[in-house]
């Protein structure tokens, strides 16, 4: 049901009093939508789990600190540029 609902998402751009043509959205979640924080959390949780499972990123005293997150901002950290680009 969610896949179908999100596949029907469209938008317009309004600049001053002029609106663009309607266009289809292919990615993202609806800003201000009730489910948006939950869907974002599910996506980010799997992304962070994949990063931890890869063993890449920074580790301090055996604790993975390869990503720091606040709200929808995500900071990725690595001991080398190569490992950061590998992810």
N, C-alpha and C. Protein backbone atom coordinates (compact mmCIF):
# COMPACT_ATOMS: atom_id res chain seq x y z
N UNK A 1 0.82 -1.18 0.00
CA UNK A 1 0.00 0.00 0.00
C UNK A 1 0.88 1.27 0.00
N UNK A 2 1.94 1.25 0.84
CA UNK A 2 2.82 2.42 0.88
C UNK A 2 3.55 2.64 -0.43
N UNK A 3 4.00 1.55 -1.05
CA UNK A 3 4.71 1.68 -2.33
C UNK A 3 3.78 2.29 -3.37
N UNK A 4 2.56 1.81 -3.42
CA UNK A 4 1.58 2.35 -4.38
C UNK A 4 1.30 3.83 -4.08
N UNK A 5 1.11 4.14 -2.81
CA UNK A 5 0.80 5.51 -2.41
C UNK A 5 1.93 6.46 -2.79
N UNK A 6 3.16 6.05 -2.48
CA UNK A 6 4.30 6.91 -2.80
C UNK A 6 4.59 6.96 -4.30
N UNK A 7 4.21 5.95 -5.05
CA UNK A 7 4.44 5.97 -6.50
C UNK A 7 3.50 6.97 -7.19
N UNK A 8 2.47 7.40 -6.51
CA UNK A 8 1.53 8.38 -7.07
C UNK A 8 1.87 9.82 -6.68
N UNK A 9 2.98 10.02 -5.97
CA UNK A 9 3.34 11.36 -5.47
C UNK A 9 3.69 12.30 -6.61
N UNK A 10 3.09 13.47 -6.59
CA UNK A 10 3.38 14.51 -7.57
C UNK A 10 3.61 15.83 -6.82
N UNK A 11 4.17 16.79 -7.54
CA UNK A 11 4.42 18.10 -6.94
C UNK A 11 4.39 19.18 -8.01
N UNK A 12 4.30 20.40 -7.55
CA UNK A 12 4.45 21.57 -8.41
C UNK A 12 5.38 22.55 -7.69
N UNK A 13 6.02 23.39 -8.46
CA UNK A 13 6.87 24.43 -7.89
C UNK A 13 6.14 25.76 -8.09
N UNK A 14 6.01 26.51 -7.00
CA UNK A 14 5.36 27.81 -7.09
C UNK A 14 6.41 28.89 -6.83
N UNK A 15 6.51 29.81 -7.77
CA UNK A 15 7.42 30.93 -7.63
C UNK A 15 6.61 32.20 -7.81
N UNK A 16 6.51 32.97 -6.75
CA UNK A 16 5.63 34.13 -6.67
C UNK A 16 4.20 33.66 -6.95
N UNK A 17 3.59 34.08 -8.04
CA UNK A 17 2.21 33.64 -8.30
C UNK A 17 2.12 32.65 -9.47
N UNK A 18 3.27 32.16 -9.93
CA UNK A 18 3.31 31.26 -11.09
C UNK A 18 3.62 29.85 -10.63
N UNK A 19 2.83 28.87 -11.11
CA UNK A 19 3.04 27.45 -10.78
C UNK A 19 3.59 26.70 -11.97
N UNK A 20 4.48 25.75 -11.71
CA UNK A 20 5.04 24.92 -12.77
C UNK A 20 4.03 23.85 -13.17
N UNK A 21 4.40 23.07 -14.15
CA UNK A 21 3.61 21.90 -14.51
C UNK A 21 3.73 20.88 -13.38
N UNK A 22 2.77 19.99 -13.28
CA UNK A 22 2.82 18.90 -12.30
C UNK A 22 3.87 17.89 -12.75
N UNK A 23 4.73 17.45 -11.80
CA UNK A 23 5.72 16.43 -12.13
C UNK A 23 5.71 15.36 -11.05
N UNK A 24 6.13 14.17 -11.43
CA UNK A 24 6.11 13.02 -10.52
C UNK A 24 7.38 12.99 -9.67
N UNK A 25 7.23 12.65 -8.39
CA UNK A 25 8.36 12.49 -7.48
C UNK A 25 8.80 11.03 -7.52
N UNK A 26 10.10 10.81 -7.64
CA UNK A 26 10.62 9.44 -7.74
C UNK A 26 11.33 8.97 -6.48
N UNK A 27 11.61 9.88 -5.55
CA UNK A 27 12.29 9.48 -4.32
C UNK A 27 11.95 10.47 -3.20
N UNK A 28 12.32 10.08 -1.98
CA UNK A 28 12.10 10.95 -0.84
C UNK A 28 10.81 10.65 -0.11
N UNK A 29 10.64 11.32 1.00
CA UNK A 29 9.41 11.20 1.77
C UNK A 29 8.72 12.56 1.79
N UNK A 30 7.45 12.55 2.10
CA UNK A 30 6.68 13.79 2.08
C UNK A 30 7.04 14.67 3.27
N UNK A 31 7.40 15.90 2.99
CA UNK A 31 7.73 16.84 4.05
C UNK A 31 6.46 17.15 4.84
N UNK A 32 6.54 16.97 6.15
CA UNK A 32 5.38 17.21 7.00
C UNK A 32 4.42 16.05 7.09
N UNK A 33 4.71 14.95 6.39
CA UNK A 33 3.84 13.78 6.44
C UNK A 33 3.95 13.07 7.78
N UNK A 34 2.85 12.50 8.23
CA UNK A 34 2.81 11.81 9.52
C UNK A 34 3.75 10.61 9.53
N UNK A 35 3.83 9.88 8.43
CA UNK A 35 4.69 8.69 8.36
C UNK A 35 6.15 9.01 8.01
N UNK A 36 6.43 10.21 7.57
CA UNK A 36 7.77 10.53 7.10
C UNK A 36 8.87 10.27 8.13
N UNK A 37 8.73 10.69 9.39
CA UNK A 37 9.79 10.39 10.36
C UNK A 37 10.00 8.90 10.58
N UNK A 38 8.93 8.13 10.57
CA UNK A 38 9.04 6.68 10.76
C UNK A 38 9.75 6.04 9.58
N UNK A 39 9.36 6.40 8.36
CA UNK A 39 9.98 5.83 7.17
C UNK A 39 11.45 6.24 7.08
N UNK A 40 11.75 7.48 7.41
CA UNK A 40 13.14 7.94 7.42
C UNK A 40 13.95 7.16 8.44
N UNK A 41 13.38 6.93 9.62
CA UNK A 41 14.07 6.18 10.68
C UNK A 41 14.36 4.75 10.26
N UNK A 42 13.42 4.11 9.59
CA UNK A 42 13.63 2.74 9.11
C UNK A 42 14.76 2.70 8.10
N UNK A 43 14.77 3.65 7.17
CA UNK A 43 15.81 3.70 6.16
C UNK A 43 17.18 3.96 6.78
N UNK A 44 17.26 4.97 7.64
CA UNK A 44 18.54 5.34 8.23
C UNK A 44 19.05 4.23 9.15
N UNK A 45 18.16 3.57 9.88
CA UNK A 45 18.58 2.49 10.76
C UNK A 45 19.26 1.38 9.96
N UNK A 46 18.70 1.00 8.82
CA UNK A 46 19.33 -0.05 8.01
C UNK A 46 20.65 0.43 7.42
N UNK A 47 20.74 1.70 7.08
CA UNK A 47 21.97 2.26 6.55
C UNK A 47 23.08 2.25 7.60
N UNK A 48 22.75 2.66 8.82
CA UNK A 48 23.74 2.66 9.90
C UNK A 48 24.15 1.24 10.26
N UNK A 49 23.22 0.31 10.27
CA UNK A 49 23.55 -1.09 10.56
C UNK A 49 24.51 -1.64 9.51
N UNK A 50 24.29 -1.30 8.24
CA UNK A 50 25.19 -1.76 7.17
C UNK A 50 26.58 -1.17 7.36
N UNK A 51 26.66 0.08 7.77
CA UNK A 51 27.97 0.71 8.01
C UNK A 51 28.70 0.03 9.16
N UNK A 52 28.01 -0.23 10.27
CA UNK A 52 28.63 -0.90 11.42
C UNK A 52 29.06 -2.32 11.03
N UNK A 53 28.22 -3.03 10.30
CA UNK A 53 28.54 -4.41 9.89
C UNK A 53 29.74 -4.47 8.96
N UNK A 54 29.98 -3.41 8.19
CA UNK A 54 31.10 -3.40 7.25
C UNK A 54 32.44 -3.30 7.98
N UNK A 55 32.43 -2.82 9.23
CA UNK A 55 33.67 -2.65 9.97
C UNK A 55 34.42 -1.38 9.61
N UNK A 56 33.87 -0.60 8.68
CA UNK A 56 34.50 0.64 8.26
C UNK A 56 34.10 1.78 9.21
N UNK A 57 34.83 2.86 9.15
CA UNK A 57 34.53 4.01 10.00
C UNK A 57 35.45 4.06 11.20
N UNK A 58 35.25 5.03 12.05
CA UNK A 58 36.10 5.21 13.23
C UNK A 58 35.65 4.34 14.38
N UNK A 59 36.63 3.88 15.15
CA UNK A 59 36.37 3.10 16.36
C UNK A 59 37.19 3.70 17.49
N UNK A 60 36.56 3.92 18.62
CA UNK A 60 37.24 4.45 19.80
C UNK A 60 36.99 3.46 20.94
N UNK A 61 38.06 2.87 21.45
CA UNK A 61 37.98 1.88 22.53
C UNK A 61 37.00 0.76 22.19
N UNK A 62 37.03 0.33 20.92
CA UNK A 62 36.17 -0.77 20.48
C UNK A 62 34.74 -0.39 20.19
N UNK A 63 34.40 0.88 20.30
CA UNK A 63 33.03 1.35 20.03
C UNK A 63 33.02 2.05 18.68
N UNK A 64 32.07 1.67 17.83
CA UNK A 64 31.95 2.28 16.50
C UNK A 64 31.39 3.69 16.63
N UNK A 65 32.17 4.66 16.15
CA UNK A 65 31.71 6.04 16.11
C UNK A 65 31.87 6.57 14.69
N UNK A 66 31.56 5.74 13.73
CA UNK A 66 31.73 6.08 12.31
C UNK A 66 30.66 7.00 11.78
N UNK A 67 29.56 7.15 12.51
CA UNK A 67 28.55 8.11 12.08
C UNK A 67 27.89 8.74 13.31
N UNK A 68 27.69 10.02 13.18
CA UNK A 68 27.02 10.78 14.23
C UNK A 68 25.80 11.40 13.58
N UNK A 69 24.65 11.27 14.23
CA UNK A 69 23.42 11.74 13.63
C UNK A 69 22.66 12.64 14.60
N UNK A 70 22.12 13.72 14.07
CA UNK A 70 21.23 14.60 14.82
C UNK A 70 20.09 14.98 13.89
N UNK A 71 18.87 14.60 14.25
CA UNK A 71 17.69 14.82 13.42
C UNK A 71 17.93 14.19 12.05
N UNK A 72 17.95 14.97 10.98
CA UNK A 72 18.18 14.39 9.65
C UNK A 72 19.56 14.71 9.10
N UNK A 73 20.47 15.14 9.97
CA UNK A 73 21.85 15.39 9.57
C UNK A 73 22.72 14.21 9.97
N UNK A 74 23.55 13.73 9.06
CA UNK A 74 24.37 12.55 9.28
C UNK A 74 25.82 12.89 8.95
N UNK A 75 26.73 12.64 9.89
CA UNK A 75 28.15 12.88 9.70
C UNK A 75 28.85 11.53 9.67
N UNK A 76 29.52 11.22 8.56
CA UNK A 76 30.28 9.98 8.43
C UNK A 76 31.74 10.29 8.72
N UNK A 77 32.38 9.43 9.53
CA UNK A 77 33.79 9.62 9.89
C UNK A 77 34.57 8.34 9.61
N UNK A 78 35.80 8.53 9.17
CA UNK A 78 36.66 7.40 8.88
C UNK A 78 38.11 7.81 9.13
N UNK A 79 38.93 6.83 9.43
CA UNK A 79 40.35 7.08 9.66
C UNK A 79 41.13 7.32 8.39
N UNK A 80 40.54 6.98 7.24
CA UNK A 80 41.23 7.20 5.97
C UNK A 80 40.24 7.61 4.89
N UNK A 81 40.72 8.36 3.93
CA UNK A 81 39.89 8.80 2.82
C UNK A 81 39.43 7.59 2.00
N UNK A 82 40.30 6.61 1.83
CA UNK A 82 39.96 5.42 1.05
C UNK A 82 38.74 4.71 1.66
N UNK A 83 38.75 4.47 2.97
CA UNK A 83 37.62 3.79 3.60
C UNK A 83 36.34 4.62 3.54
N UNK A 84 36.46 5.93 3.62
CA UNK A 84 35.29 6.79 3.54
C UNK A 84 34.66 6.71 2.16
N UNK A 85 35.49 6.65 1.12
CA UNK A 85 34.98 6.54 -0.24
C UNK A 85 34.48 5.14 -0.55
N UNK A 86 34.96 4.15 0.17
CA UNK A 86 34.57 2.76 -0.07
C UNK A 86 33.11 2.53 0.26
N UNK A 87 32.62 3.20 1.29
CA UNK A 87 31.22 3.02 1.70
C UNK A 87 30.32 3.50 0.61
